[in-house]
């Protein structure tokens, strides 16, 4: 059984791996775990159980020093936002944690969709599926298997994006199909992801079920 805690741990591991791969860093401030993502200029705190000024303010200062555009806090739905509104954080989009057995995302036998290509980003750990139409970029998604997850064999699907002009053409399904097959070959038994309320419709058609919801809070720094 895949739990919300599994989803949160895998999400946290994905952001840490992304930070390491792009010249960012991970650090802690008074029981608050942070990652700095320089490519998107985001300072993110992942699933704290308590929000205090001694944990928040040093990270806010670090975000300003590094020229961050936004500071984001990902929370379990049961955690209170506490002091965040007082520090000009606004409630953002709501992650829907969804999971499915890996074979639920594998299509029936047939030729692979030629619009999608696969790149191994980190051996046995991370893969990028890219969709192109007429030589132009049309979408992408990542699959990620944390190297340390006990006896569970989970793969997260992250950063799914389809260009606006190419939505409702089956590209989202094609990206998911390719990554599901790849994750299964690598030994994953379950897929998990965070969906937007709109995006969850696609995943339900591929056998994903909702296991819980979260919350995000965002502070936008001046340019």
N, C-alpha and C. Protein backbone atom coordinates (compact mmCIF):
# COMPACT_ATOMS: atom_id res chain seq x y z
N UNK A 1 0.84 -1.20 0.00
CA UNK A 1 0.00 0.00 0.00
C UNK A 1 0.88 1.25 0.00
N UNK A 2 0.60 2.17 -0.91
CA UNK A 2 1.33 3.42 -0.99
C UNK A 2 0.58 4.49 -0.19
N UNK A 3 1.28 5.19 0.68
CA UNK A 3 0.67 6.16 1.58
C UNK A 3 1.02 7.59 1.17
N UNK A 4 0.34 8.54 1.79
CA UNK A 4 0.68 9.95 1.57
C UNK A 4 2.13 10.20 1.98
N UNK A 5 2.56 9.57 3.09
CA UNK A 5 3.94 9.74 3.54
C UNK A 5 4.92 9.26 2.47
N UNK A 6 4.61 8.16 1.78
CA UNK A 6 5.46 7.69 0.69
C UNK A 6 5.54 8.74 -0.42
N UNK A 7 4.38 9.32 -0.76
CA UNK A 7 4.34 10.35 -1.81
C UNK A 7 5.19 11.55 -1.43
N UNK A 8 5.09 11.96 -0.17
CA UNK A 8 5.84 13.12 0.28
C UNK A 8 7.34 12.84 0.32
N UNK A 9 7.73 11.66 0.80
CA UNK A 9 9.16 11.32 0.84
C UNK A 9 9.75 11.27 -0.57
N UNK A 10 9.01 10.70 -1.50
CA UNK A 10 9.52 10.60 -2.87
C UNK A 10 9.60 11.97 -3.52
N UNK A 11 8.61 12.82 -3.26
CA UNK A 11 8.63 14.19 -3.78
C UNK A 11 9.85 14.94 -3.23
N UNK A 12 10.09 14.79 -1.93
CA UNK A 12 11.24 15.45 -1.31
C UNK A 12 12.54 14.96 -1.93
N UNK A 13 12.66 13.64 -2.12
CA UNK A 13 13.87 13.08 -2.72
C UNK A 13 14.06 13.59 -4.14
N UNK A 14 12.96 13.76 -4.89
CA UNK A 14 13.05 14.29 -6.25
C UNK A 14 13.59 15.71 -6.25
N UNK A 15 13.07 16.56 -5.38
CA UNK A 15 13.54 17.94 -5.34
C UNK A 15 15.01 18.01 -4.91
N UNK A 16 15.42 17.16 -3.96
CA UNK A 16 16.82 17.15 -3.54
C UNK A 16 17.73 16.71 -4.68
N UNK A 17 17.31 15.69 -5.41
CA UNK A 17 18.11 15.22 -6.56
C UNK A 17 18.17 16.30 -7.64
N UNK A 18 17.06 17.00 -7.86
CA UNK A 18 17.02 18.06 -8.86
C UNK A 18 17.94 19.21 -8.46
N UNK A 19 17.93 19.54 -7.17
CA UNK A 19 18.82 20.61 -6.69
C UNK A 19 20.28 20.22 -6.90
N UNK A 20 20.62 18.99 -6.56
CA UNK A 20 22.01 18.53 -6.70
C UNK A 20 22.45 18.54 -8.16
N UNK A 21 21.53 18.18 -9.07
CA UNK A 21 21.87 18.08 -10.49
C UNK A 21 21.98 19.44 -11.17
N UNK A 22 21.41 20.48 -10.57
CA UNK A 22 21.36 21.77 -11.24
C UNK A 22 22.15 22.85 -10.50
N UNK A 23 23.03 22.44 -9.58
CA UNK A 23 23.86 23.41 -8.88
C UNK A 23 23.19 24.06 -7.69
N UNK A 24 22.11 23.47 -7.21
CA UNK A 24 21.44 23.98 -6.02
C UNK A 24 21.99 23.34 -4.76
N UNK A 25 21.19 23.39 -3.69
CA UNK A 25 21.63 22.80 -2.43
C UNK A 25 20.43 22.46 -1.57
N UNK A 26 20.67 21.62 -0.57
CA UNK A 26 19.67 21.28 0.43
C UNK A 26 20.22 21.68 1.80
N UNK A 27 19.34 22.14 2.68
CA UNK A 27 19.78 22.52 4.02
C UNK A 27 18.59 22.52 4.98
N UNK A 28 18.89 22.61 6.26
CA UNK A 28 17.86 22.58 7.29
C UNK A 28 17.95 23.83 8.14
N UNK A 29 16.79 24.31 8.61
CA UNK A 29 16.73 25.40 9.58
C UNK A 29 15.68 25.06 10.61
N UNK A 30 16.10 24.70 11.81
CA UNK A 30 15.19 24.44 12.93
C UNK A 30 14.04 23.52 12.51
N UNK A 31 14.38 22.31 12.09
CA UNK A 31 13.44 21.25 11.73
C UNK A 31 12.62 21.56 10.47
N UNK A 32 13.08 22.51 9.67
CA UNK A 32 12.47 22.77 8.38
C UNK A 32 13.49 22.42 7.29
N UNK A 33 13.11 21.54 6.36
CA UNK A 33 14.01 21.05 5.32
C UNK A 33 13.79 21.84 4.03
N UNK A 34 14.86 22.38 3.46
CA UNK A 34 14.78 23.26 2.30
C UNK A 34 15.60 22.75 1.14
N UNK A 35 15.18 23.10 -0.07
CA UNK A 35 16.00 22.90 -1.26
C UNK A 35 15.98 24.20 -2.06
N UNK A 36 17.14 24.50 -2.65
CA UNK A 36 17.28 25.67 -3.52
C UNK A 36 17.42 25.17 -4.94
N UNK A 37 16.50 25.61 -5.83
CA UNK A 37 16.49 25.22 -7.23
C UNK A 37 16.87 26.44 -8.07
N UNK A 38 18.13 26.56 -8.48
CA UNK A 38 18.57 27.79 -9.16
C UNK A 38 17.94 27.99 -10.54
N UNK A 39 17.62 26.91 -11.26
CA UNK A 39 17.08 27.09 -12.61
C UNK A 39 15.72 27.77 -12.59
N UNK A 40 14.91 27.46 -11.58
CA UNK A 40 13.59 28.09 -11.48
C UNK A 40 13.55 29.20 -10.43
N UNK A 41 14.69 29.41 -9.77
CA UNK A 41 14.82 30.44 -8.72
C UNK A 41 13.77 30.26 -7.63
N UNK A 42 13.65 29.01 -7.18
CA UNK A 42 12.70 28.67 -6.13
C UNK A 42 13.44 28.16 -4.89
N UNK A 43 13.01 28.64 -3.73
CA UNK A 43 13.45 28.11 -2.46
C UNK A 43 12.24 27.37 -1.87
N UNK A 44 12.36 26.05 -1.69
CA UNK A 44 11.22 25.24 -1.30
C UNK A 44 11.46 24.55 0.03
N UNK A 45 10.44 24.56 0.87
CA UNK A 45 10.46 23.81 2.13
C UNK A 45 9.50 22.64 1.96
N UNK A 46 10.00 21.45 2.30
CA UNK A 46 9.23 20.23 2.03
C UNK A 46 8.68 19.61 3.31
N UNK A 47 7.38 19.74 3.48
CA UNK A 47 6.59 19.00 4.46
C UNK A 47 7.06 19.12 5.90
N UNK A 48 7.22 20.35 6.39
CA UNK A 48 7.53 20.51 7.81
C UNK A 48 6.31 20.15 8.65
N UNK A 49 6.55 19.68 9.86
CA UNK A 49 5.44 19.40 10.78
C UNK A 49 5.12 20.60 11.64
N UNK A 50 6.01 21.60 11.61
CA UNK A 50 5.80 22.82 12.38
C UNK A 50 6.50 23.96 11.66
N UNK A 51 5.89 25.13 11.65
CA UNK A 51 6.49 26.31 11.01
C UNK A 51 6.75 27.35 12.08
N UNK A 52 8.02 27.71 12.25
CA UNK A 52 8.40 28.69 13.25
C UNK A 52 9.23 29.78 12.60
N UNK A 53 9.30 30.92 13.23
CA UNK A 53 10.10 32.01 12.69
C UNK A 53 11.59 31.64 12.68
N UNK A 54 12.03 30.86 13.66
CA UNK A 54 13.44 30.46 13.68
C UNK A 54 13.77 29.51 12.55
N UNK A 55 12.78 28.85 11.99
CA UNK A 55 13.00 28.01 10.82
C UNK A 55 12.78 28.75 9.52
N UNK A 56 11.81 29.66 9.51
CA UNK A 56 11.42 30.35 8.28
C UNK A 56 12.33 31.51 7.92
N UNK A 57 12.64 32.38 8.89
CA UNK A 57 13.32 33.63 8.57
C UNK A 57 14.73 33.44 8.02
N UNK A 58 15.55 32.51 8.55
CA UNK A 58 16.87 32.32 7.94
C UNK A 58 16.79 31.87 6.49
N UNK A 59 15.81 31.02 6.17
CA UNK A 59 15.66 30.56 4.79
C UNK A 59 15.18 31.69 3.89
N UNK A 60 14.31 32.56 4.41
CA UNK A 60 13.87 33.72 3.64
C UNK A 60 15.05 34.63 3.32
N UNK A 61 15.94 34.82 4.30
CA UNK A 61 17.12 35.65 4.08
C UNK A 61 18.03 35.02 3.03
N UNK A 62 18.18 33.68 3.08
CA UNK A 62 19.00 32.99 2.09
C UNK A 62 18.38 33.10 0.70
N UNK A 63 17.05 33.04 0.63
CA UNK A 63 16.37 33.18 -0.66
C UNK A 63 16.63 34.55 -1.27
N UNK A 64 16.56 35.59 -0.45
CA UNK A 64 16.83 36.95 -0.96
C UNK A 64 18.28 37.07 -1.41
N UNK A 65 19.19 36.48 -0.65
CA UNK A 65 20.61 36.56 -1.00
C UNK A 65 20.90 35.91 -2.34
N UNK A 66 20.18 34.84 -2.63
CA UNK A 66 20.42 34.09 -3.87
C UNK A 66 19.59 34.60 -5.04
N UNK A 67 18.76 35.60 -4.82
CA UNK A 67 17.96 36.15 -5.90
C UNK A 67 16.77 35.29 -6.27
N UNK A 68 16.17 34.64 -5.29
CA UNK A 68 15.01 33.78 -5.55
C UNK A 68 13.83 34.62 -6.02
N UNK A 69 13.02 34.02 -6.88
CA UNK A 69 11.78 34.65 -7.31
C UNK A 69 10.64 34.29 -6.37
N UNK A 70 10.66 33.05 -5.86
CA UNK A 70 9.59 32.60 -4.98
C UNK A 70 10.14 31.73 -3.86
N UNK A 71 9.44 31.75 -2.74
CA UNK A 71 9.67 30.82 -1.64
C UNK A 71 8.39 30.02 -1.48
N UNK A 72 8.49 28.70 -1.54
CA UNK A 72 7.31 27.85 -1.46
C UNK A 72 7.39 26.90 -0.28
N UNK A 73 6.24 26.64 0.33
CA UNK A 73 6.14 25.68 1.43
C UNK A 73 5.12 24.61 1.02
N UNK A 74 5.56 23.35 0.98
CA UNK A 74 4.66 22.22 0.73
C UNK A 74 4.28 21.63 2.07
N UNK A 75 2.98 21.46 2.31
CA UNK A 75 2.50 20.97 3.60
C UNK A 75 1.56 19.79 3.44
N UNK A 76 1.59 18.92 4.42
CA UNK A 76 0.53 17.94 4.57
C UNK A 76 -0.77 18.69 4.85
N UNK A 77 -1.88 18.15 4.40
CA UNK A 77 -3.16 18.85 4.57
C UNK A 77 -3.52 19.06 6.02
N UNK A 78 -2.97 18.23 6.92
CA UNK A 78 -3.33 18.33 8.34
C UNK A 78 -2.50 19.36 9.10
N UNK A 79 -1.46 19.90 8.48
CA UNK A 79 -0.58 20.86 9.15
C UNK A 79 -1.12 22.27 9.00
N UNK A 80 -1.15 23.00 10.10
CA UNK A 80 -1.66 24.37 10.06
C UNK A 80 -0.61 25.30 9.47
N UNK A 81 -1.09 26.32 8.74
CA UNK A 81 -0.16 27.26 8.10
C UNK A 81 0.50 28.20 9.08
N UNK A 82 -0.07 28.37 10.28
CA UNK A 82 0.54 29.16 11.34
C UNK A 82 0.89 30.57 10.92
N UNK A 83 2.18 30.90 10.95
CA UNK A 83 2.64 32.28 10.73
C UNK A 83 2.77 32.64 9.26
N UNK A 84 2.51 31.73 8.34
CA UNK A 84 2.78 32.02 6.93
C UNK A 84 2.02 33.24 6.41
N UNK A 85 0.71 33.40 6.67
CA UNK A 85 0.03 34.60 6.17
C UNK A 85 0.65 35.89 6.71
N UNK A 86 1.14 35.84 7.95
CA UNK A 86 1.75 37.03 8.54
C UNK A 86 3.02 37.43 7.80
N UNK A 87 3.66 36.47 7.15
CA UNK A 87 4.88 36.75 6.39
C UNK A 87 4.59 36.81 4.89
N UNK A 88 3.37 37.14 4.55
CA UNK A 88 2.94 37.41 3.17
C UNK A 88 3.00 36.18 2.27
N UNK A 89 2.77 35.03 2.84
CA UNK A 89 2.58 33.83 2.03
C UNK A 89 1.10 33.72 1.68
N UNK A 90 0.85 33.27 0.46
CA UNK A 90 -0.52 33.07 -0.02
C UNK A 90 -0.73 31.60 -0.37
N UNK A 91 -1.94 31.11 -0.09
CA UNK A 91 -2.24 29.72 -0.40
C UNK A 91 -2.18 29.52 -1.91
N UNK A 92 -1.52 28.43 -2.34
CA UNK A 92 -1.38 28.14 -3.76
C UNK A 92 -2.18 26.92 -4.17
N UNK A 93 -1.73 26.26 -5.22
CA UNK A 93 -2.45 25.12 -5.77
C UNK A 93 -2.40 23.94 -4.80
N UNK A 94 -3.36 23.06 -4.94
CA UNK A 94 -3.47 21.92 -4.04
C UNK A 94 -2.99 20.65 -4.73
N UNK A 95 -1.90 20.02 -4.25
CA UNK A 95 -1.47 18.75 -4.82
C UNK A 95 -2.46 17.63 -4.48
N UNK A 96 -2.83 16.86 -5.48
CA UNK A 96 -3.62 15.64 -5.28
C UNK A 96 -2.65 14.48 -5.38
N UNK A 97 -2.40 13.78 -4.28
CA UNK A 97 -1.48 12.64 -4.29
C UNK A 97 -2.21 11.44 -4.86
N UNK A 98 -1.66 10.88 -5.95
CA UNK A 98 -2.30 9.77 -6.64
C UNK A 98 -1.29 8.66 -6.86
N UNK A 99 -1.77 7.42 -6.88
CA UNK A 99 -0.88 6.28 -7.06
C UNK A 99 -1.60 5.17 -7.82
N UNK A 100 -0.78 4.31 -8.45
CA UNK A 100 -1.33 3.19 -9.20
C UNK A 100 -0.26 2.10 -9.28
N UNK A 101 -0.67 0.83 -9.35
CA UNK A 101 0.31 -0.22 -9.67
C UNK A 101 0.96 0.11 -11.00
N UNK A 102 2.25 -0.18 -11.12
CA UNK A 102 2.97 0.25 -12.31
C UNK A 102 2.36 -0.32 -13.58
N UNK A 103 1.81 -1.52 -13.52
CA UNK A 103 1.26 -2.10 -14.75
C UNK A 103 -0.04 -1.43 -15.18
N UNK A 104 -0.65 -0.62 -14.29
CA UNK A 104 -1.85 0.12 -14.69
C UNK A 104 -1.51 1.22 -15.68
N UNK A 105 -0.25 1.68 -15.66
CA UNK A 105 0.17 2.73 -16.58
C UNK A 105 0.82 2.19 -17.83
N UNK A 106 0.88 0.86 -17.98
CA UNK A 106 1.49 0.26 -19.15
C UNK A 106 0.43 -0.04 -20.19
N UNK A 107 0.57 0.45 -21.39
CA UNK A 107 -0.46 0.23 -22.41
C UNK A 107 -0.47 -1.21 -22.91
N UNK A 108 -1.54 -1.58 -23.57
CA UNK A 108 -1.58 -2.89 -24.21
C UNK A 108 -0.48 -2.96 -25.26
N UNK A 109 -0.07 -4.17 -25.60
CA UNK A 109 1.03 -4.32 -26.55
C UNK A 109 0.72 -3.60 -27.86
N UNK A 110 1.73 -2.95 -28.37
CA UNK A 110 1.59 -2.21 -29.61
C UNK A 110 2.82 -1.37 -29.80
N UNK A 111 2.97 -0.72 -30.95
CA UNK A 111 4.16 0.10 -31.20
C UNK A 111 4.21 1.31 -30.26
N UNK A 112 5.43 1.67 -29.85
CA UNK A 112 5.60 2.85 -29.01
C UNK A 112 5.24 4.10 -29.81
N UNK A 113 4.72 5.08 -29.12
CA UNK A 113 4.36 6.34 -29.77
C UNK A 113 5.63 7.04 -30.24
N UNK A 114 5.77 7.22 -31.54
CA UNK A 114 6.99 7.78 -32.12
C UNK A 114 7.18 9.27 -31.79
N UNK A 115 6.17 9.89 -31.24
CA UNK A 115 6.31 11.30 -30.88
C UNK A 115 7.14 11.48 -29.61
N UNK A 116 7.34 10.41 -28.85
CA UNK A 116 8.00 10.48 -27.55
C UNK A 116 9.34 9.77 -27.59
N UNK A 117 10.38 10.44 -27.11
CA UNK A 117 11.69 9.83 -26.97
C UNK A 117 12.07 9.82 -25.49
N UNK A 118 12.96 8.89 -25.13
CA UNK A 118 13.34 8.71 -23.73
C UNK A 118 14.83 8.95 -23.57
N UNK A 119 15.18 9.68 -22.51
CA UNK A 119 16.58 9.91 -22.17
C UNK A 119 16.82 9.48 -20.73
N UNK A 120 17.86 8.69 -20.48
CA UNK A 120 18.23 8.32 -19.12
C UNK A 120 19.04 9.47 -18.53
N UNK A 121 18.53 10.07 -17.47
CA UNK A 121 19.20 11.21 -16.83
C UNK A 121 20.18 10.73 -15.76
N UNK A 122 19.79 9.70 -15.00
CA UNK A 122 20.66 9.09 -13.99
C UNK A 122 20.37 7.60 -14.01
N UNK A 123 21.39 6.78 -14.18
CA UNK A 123 21.20 5.35 -14.40
C UNK A 123 20.39 4.71 -13.28
N UNK A 124 19.34 3.98 -13.70
CA UNK A 124 18.45 3.26 -12.77
C UNK A 124 17.78 4.18 -11.76
N UNK A 125 17.69 5.48 -12.08
CA UNK A 125 17.12 6.41 -11.11
C UNK A 125 16.21 7.47 -11.73
N UNK A 126 16.61 8.07 -12.84
CA UNK A 126 15.81 9.17 -13.40
C UNK A 126 15.82 9.12 -14.92
N UNK A 127 14.63 9.40 -15.49
CA UNK A 127 14.46 9.37 -16.94
C UNK A 127 13.61 10.56 -17.37
N UNK A 128 13.90 11.07 -18.57
CA UNK A 128 13.14 12.17 -19.15
C UNK A 128 12.47 11.69 -20.43
N UNK A 129 11.15 11.83 -20.50
CA UNK A 129 10.41 11.55 -21.73
C UNK A 129 10.08 12.89 -22.38
N UNK A 130 10.42 13.03 -23.66
CA UNK A 130 10.21 14.29 -24.38
C UNK A 130 9.34 14.03 -25.60
N UNK A 131 8.32 14.86 -25.79
CA UNK A 131 7.45 14.76 -26.96
C UNK A 131 7.80 15.86 -27.94
N UNK A 132 7.88 15.49 -29.24
CA UNK A 132 8.14 16.46 -30.30
C UNK A 132 7.19 16.20 -31.46
N UNK A 133 6.74 17.28 -32.07
CA UNK A 133 5.90 17.20 -33.25
C UNK A 133 6.51 18.09 -34.32
N UNK A 134 6.81 17.50 -35.48
CA UNK A 134 7.43 18.28 -36.54
C UNK A 134 8.75 18.88 -36.14
N UNK A 135 9.47 18.20 -35.24
CA UNK A 135 10.76 18.70 -34.79
C UNK A 135 10.68 19.72 -33.68
N UNK A 136 9.46 20.13 -33.30
CA UNK A 136 9.30 21.14 -32.25
C UNK A 136 8.92 20.47 -30.94
N UNK A 137 9.44 21.04 -29.84
CA UNK A 137 9.12 20.54 -28.50
C UNK A 137 7.62 20.65 -28.23
N UNK A 138 7.02 19.58 -27.69
CA UNK A 138 5.58 19.59 -27.45
C UNK A 138 5.21 19.14 -26.04
N UNK A 139 6.18 18.59 -25.29
CA UNK A 139 5.85 18.17 -23.94
C UNK A 139 6.99 17.37 -23.32
N UNK A 140 6.88 17.16 -21.98
CA UNK A 140 7.90 16.38 -21.30
C UNK A 140 7.35 15.90 -19.96
N UNK A 141 8.02 14.89 -19.38
CA UNK A 141 7.74 14.41 -18.03
C UNK A 141 8.94 13.60 -17.57
N UNK A 142 9.13 13.54 -16.26
CA UNK A 142 10.22 12.77 -15.67
C UNK A 142 9.67 11.61 -14.86
N UNK A 143 10.44 10.52 -14.79
CA UNK A 143 10.22 9.45 -13.82
C UNK A 143 11.44 9.40 -12.92
N UNK A 144 11.20 9.17 -11.63
CA UNK A 144 12.29 9.18 -10.65
C UNK A 144 12.08 8.08 -9.63
N UNK A 145 13.12 7.26 -9.42
CA UNK A 145 13.12 6.22 -8.39
C UNK A 145 14.18 6.57 -7.35
N UNK A 146 13.78 6.93 -6.13
CA UNK A 146 14.78 7.25 -5.10
C UNK A 146 15.68 6.05 -4.85
N UNK A 147 16.98 6.28 -4.64
CA UNK A 147 17.89 5.16 -4.43
C UNK A 147 17.68 4.44 -3.11
N UNK A 148 17.14 5.11 -2.11
CA UNK A 148 16.93 4.50 -0.80
C UNK A 148 15.46 4.66 -0.40
N UNK A 149 14.71 3.57 -0.43
CA UNK A 149 13.31 3.62 -0.04
C UNK A 149 12.86 2.34 0.65
N UNK A 150 13.79 1.71 1.36
CA UNK A 150 13.44 0.51 2.11
C UNK A 150 13.00 -0.62 1.19
N UNK A 151 11.96 -1.31 1.61
CA UNK A 151 11.47 -2.44 0.83
C UNK A 151 10.48 -2.07 -0.25
N UNK A 152 10.14 -0.79 -0.35
CA UNK A 152 9.17 -0.37 -1.36
C UNK A 152 9.88 -0.04 -2.67
N UNK A 153 9.18 -0.25 -3.76
CA UNK A 153 9.74 0.00 -5.09
C UNK A 153 8.81 0.99 -5.79
N UNK A 154 9.07 2.27 -5.58
CA UNK A 154 8.19 3.33 -6.04
C UNK A 154 8.90 4.20 -7.06
N UNK A 155 8.15 4.68 -8.02
CA UNK A 155 8.65 5.63 -9.00
C UNK A 155 7.69 6.81 -9.06
N UNK A 156 8.24 8.01 -8.95
CA UNK A 156 7.41 9.21 -9.06
C UNK A 156 7.40 9.74 -10.48
N UNK A 157 6.27 10.26 -10.91
CA UNK A 157 6.14 10.95 -12.19
C UNK A 157 6.06 12.45 -11.89
N UNK A 158 6.99 13.22 -12.45
CA UNK A 158 7.08 14.63 -12.08
C UNK A 158 7.22 15.55 -13.30
N UNK A 159 6.81 16.80 -13.07
CA UNK A 159 6.97 17.87 -14.06
C UNK A 159 6.35 17.52 -15.41
N UNK A 160 5.18 16.87 -15.37
CA UNK A 160 4.45 16.58 -16.60
C UNK A 160 3.96 17.89 -17.21
N UNK A 161 4.29 18.11 -18.47
CA UNK A 161 3.88 19.34 -19.15
C UNK A 161 3.65 19.05 -20.63
N UNK A 162 2.52 19.52 -21.14
CA UNK A 162 2.23 19.42 -22.57
C UNK A 162 1.96 20.83 -23.07
N UNK A 163 2.61 21.21 -24.16
CA UNK A 163 2.43 22.55 -24.72
C UNK A 163 0.96 22.81 -25.00
N UNK A 164 0.55 24.04 -24.77
CA UNK A 164 -0.86 24.40 -24.87
C UNK A 164 -1.46 24.01 -26.22
N UNK A 165 -0.73 24.22 -27.30
CA UNK A 165 -1.25 23.94 -28.64
C UNK A 165 -1.40 22.45 -28.93
N UNK A 166 -0.83 21.60 -28.06
CA UNK A 166 -0.83 20.17 -28.34
C UNK A 166 -1.59 19.36 -27.28
N UNK A 167 -2.35 20.03 -26.46
CA UNK A 167 -3.14 19.32 -25.47
C UNK A 167 -4.34 18.64 -26.13
N UNK A 168 -4.81 17.59 -25.46
CA UNK A 168 -5.93 16.79 -25.95
C UNK A 168 -5.60 16.09 -27.27
N UNK A 169 -4.32 15.76 -27.45
CA UNK A 169 -3.89 15.00 -28.63
C UNK A 169 -3.30 13.65 -28.23
N UNK A 170 -3.41 13.30 -26.95
CA UNK A 170 -2.88 12.03 -26.49
C UNK A 170 -1.43 12.08 -26.05
N UNK A 171 -0.80 13.27 -26.06
CA UNK A 171 0.61 13.35 -25.71
C UNK A 171 0.83 13.07 -24.22
N UNK A 172 -0.08 13.55 -23.37
CA UNK A 172 0.06 13.28 -21.94
C UNK A 172 0.05 11.78 -21.65
N UNK A 173 -0.87 11.08 -22.30
CA UNK A 173 -0.94 9.63 -22.14
C UNK A 173 0.31 8.96 -22.69
N UNK A 174 0.82 9.45 -23.83
CA UNK A 174 2.01 8.86 -24.43
C UNK A 174 3.23 9.04 -23.54
N UNK A 175 3.36 10.19 -22.92
CA UNK A 175 4.48 10.43 -22.00
C UNK A 175 4.38 9.49 -20.80
N UNK A 176 3.19 9.39 -20.24
CA UNK A 176 2.98 8.52 -19.08
C UNK A 176 3.25 7.07 -19.44
N UNK A 177 2.77 6.63 -20.60
CA UNK A 177 2.99 5.25 -21.04
C UNK A 177 4.48 4.93 -21.11
N UNK A 178 5.26 5.82 -21.74
CA UNK A 178 6.68 5.55 -21.92
C UNK A 178 7.39 5.46 -20.56
N UNK A 179 7.04 6.34 -19.64
CA UNK A 179 7.70 6.33 -18.34
C UNK A 179 7.25 5.15 -17.50
N UNK A 180 6.00 4.73 -17.63
CA UNK A 180 5.52 3.57 -16.88
C UNK A 180 6.27 2.31 -17.30
N UNK A 181 6.45 2.13 -18.60
CA UNK A 181 7.20 0.97 -19.10
C UNK A 181 8.63 1.01 -18.58
N UNK A 182 9.25 2.17 -18.64
CA UNK A 182 10.64 2.32 -18.20
C UNK A 182 10.78 2.03 -16.71
N UNK A 183 9.84 2.56 -15.90
CA UNK A 183 9.89 2.33 -14.46
C UNK A 183 9.69 0.86 -14.12
N UNK A 184 8.80 0.20 -14.85
CA UNK A 184 8.56 -1.22 -14.61
C UNK A 184 9.81 -2.03 -14.90
N UNK A 185 10.49 -1.73 -15.99
CA UNK A 185 11.73 -2.43 -16.34
C UNK A 185 12.79 -2.21 -15.26
N UNK A 186 12.80 -1.02 -14.66
CA UNK A 186 13.79 -0.69 -13.62
C UNK A 186 13.44 -1.30 -12.27
N UNK A 187 12.25 -1.93 -12.16
CA UNK A 187 11.89 -2.61 -10.92
C UNK A 187 10.82 -1.95 -10.09
N UNK A 188 10.24 -0.85 -10.57
CA UNK A 188 9.18 -0.19 -9.81
C UNK A 188 7.93 -1.05 -9.77
N UNK A 189 7.24 -1.03 -8.65
CA UNK A 189 5.98 -1.75 -8.50
C UNK A 189 4.78 -0.82 -8.47
N UNK A 190 5.01 0.43 -8.05
CA UNK A 190 3.94 1.42 -8.02
C UNK A 190 4.45 2.75 -8.57
N UNK A 191 3.55 3.48 -9.22
CA UNK A 191 3.80 4.85 -9.65
C UNK A 191 3.06 5.79 -8.71
N UNK A 192 3.62 6.95 -8.49
CA UNK A 192 2.93 7.96 -7.69
C UNK A 192 3.23 9.33 -8.28
N UNK A 193 2.37 10.29 -7.96
CA UNK A 193 2.53 11.63 -8.52
C UNK A 193 1.66 12.60 -7.75
N UNK A 194 1.91 13.89 -7.98
CA UNK A 194 1.00 14.91 -7.49
C UNK A 194 0.33 15.54 -8.69
N UNK A 195 -0.98 15.61 -8.65
CA UNK A 195 -1.75 16.14 -9.77
C UNK A 195 -2.46 17.41 -9.36
N UNK A 196 -2.70 18.26 -10.34
CA UNK A 196 -3.60 19.38 -10.11
C UNK A 196 -5.04 18.86 -10.17
N UNK A 197 -5.99 19.60 -9.60
CA UNK A 197 -7.38 19.16 -9.70
C UNK A 197 -7.83 18.95 -11.15
N UNK A 198 -7.26 19.72 -12.09
CA UNK A 198 -7.61 19.54 -13.50
C UNK A 198 -6.90 18.32 -14.10
N UNK A 199 -5.60 18.18 -13.78
CA UNK A 199 -4.81 17.12 -14.38
C UNK A 199 -5.17 15.73 -13.89
N UNK A 200 -5.80 15.63 -12.72
CA UNK A 200 -6.10 14.31 -12.18
C UNK A 200 -7.06 13.51 -13.05
N UNK A 201 -7.79 14.19 -13.94
CA UNK A 201 -8.71 13.46 -14.83
C UNK A 201 -7.93 12.51 -15.74
N UNK A 202 -6.80 12.97 -16.27
CA UNK A 202 -5.97 12.12 -17.12
C UNK A 202 -5.50 10.90 -16.35
N UNK A 203 -5.02 11.12 -15.14
CA UNK A 203 -4.44 10.02 -14.39
C UNK A 203 -5.50 8.99 -13.96
N UNK A 204 -6.70 9.44 -13.70
CA UNK A 204 -7.75 8.49 -13.35
C UNK A 204 -8.02 7.52 -14.50
N UNK A 205 -7.93 8.02 -15.73
CA UNK A 205 -8.17 7.13 -16.88
C UNK A 205 -7.07 6.10 -17.02
N UNK A 206 -5.91 6.32 -16.39
CA UNK A 206 -4.79 5.37 -16.44
C UNK A 206 -4.70 4.53 -15.18
N UNK A 207 -5.77 4.54 -14.36
CA UNK A 207 -5.81 3.66 -13.19
C UNK A 207 -5.28 4.25 -11.91
N UNK A 208 -4.94 5.53 -11.89
CA UNK A 208 -4.46 6.15 -10.65
C UNK A 208 -5.63 6.44 -9.72
N UNK A 209 -5.38 6.28 -8.43
CA UNK A 209 -6.39 6.56 -7.41
C UNK A 209 -5.86 7.61 -6.44
N UNK A 210 -6.77 8.43 -5.94
CA UNK A 210 -6.41 9.48 -4.99
C UNK A 210 -6.15 8.87 -3.61
N UNK A 211 -5.01 9.21 -3.01
CA UNK A 211 -4.72 8.74 -1.65
C UNK A 211 -4.76 9.89 -0.65
N UNK A 212 -4.79 11.12 -1.12
CA UNK A 212 -4.87 12.25 -0.21
C UNK A 212 -4.51 13.54 -0.92
N UNK A 213 -4.68 14.65 -0.20
CA UNK A 213 -4.41 15.97 -0.76
C UNK A 213 -3.44 16.72 0.16
N UNK A 214 -2.75 17.68 -0.42
CA UNK A 214 -1.83 18.50 0.34
C UNK A 214 -2.18 19.97 0.19
N UNK A 215 -1.22 20.82 0.49
CA UNK A 215 -1.40 22.26 0.32
C UNK A 215 -0.05 22.88 0.03
N UNK A 216 -0.07 23.99 -0.68
CA UNK A 216 1.14 24.76 -0.92
C UNK A 216 0.89 26.22 -0.57
N UNK A 217 1.97 26.87 -0.10
CA UNK A 217 1.92 28.29 0.22
C UNK A 217 3.12 28.97 -0.45
N UNK A 218 2.90 30.20 -0.97
CA UNK A 218 3.92 30.84 -1.79
C UNK A 218 4.10 32.31 -1.39
N UNK A 219 5.36 32.69 -1.37
CA UNK A 219 5.73 34.09 -1.16
C UNK A 219 6.56 34.52 -2.37
N UNK A 220 6.10 35.58 -3.03
CA UNK A 220 6.78 36.06 -4.24
C UNK A 220 7.66 37.25 -3.87
N UNK A 221 8.94 37.11 -4.15
CA UNK A 221 9.90 38.14 -3.81
C UNK A 221 9.96 39.20 -4.91
N UNK A 222 10.24 40.44 -4.57
CA UNK A 222 10.35 41.49 -5.61
C UNK A 222 11.53 41.21 -6.52
N UNK A 223 11.39 41.62 -7.77
CA UNK A 223 12.48 41.41 -8.74
C UNK A 223 13.67 42.27 -8.37
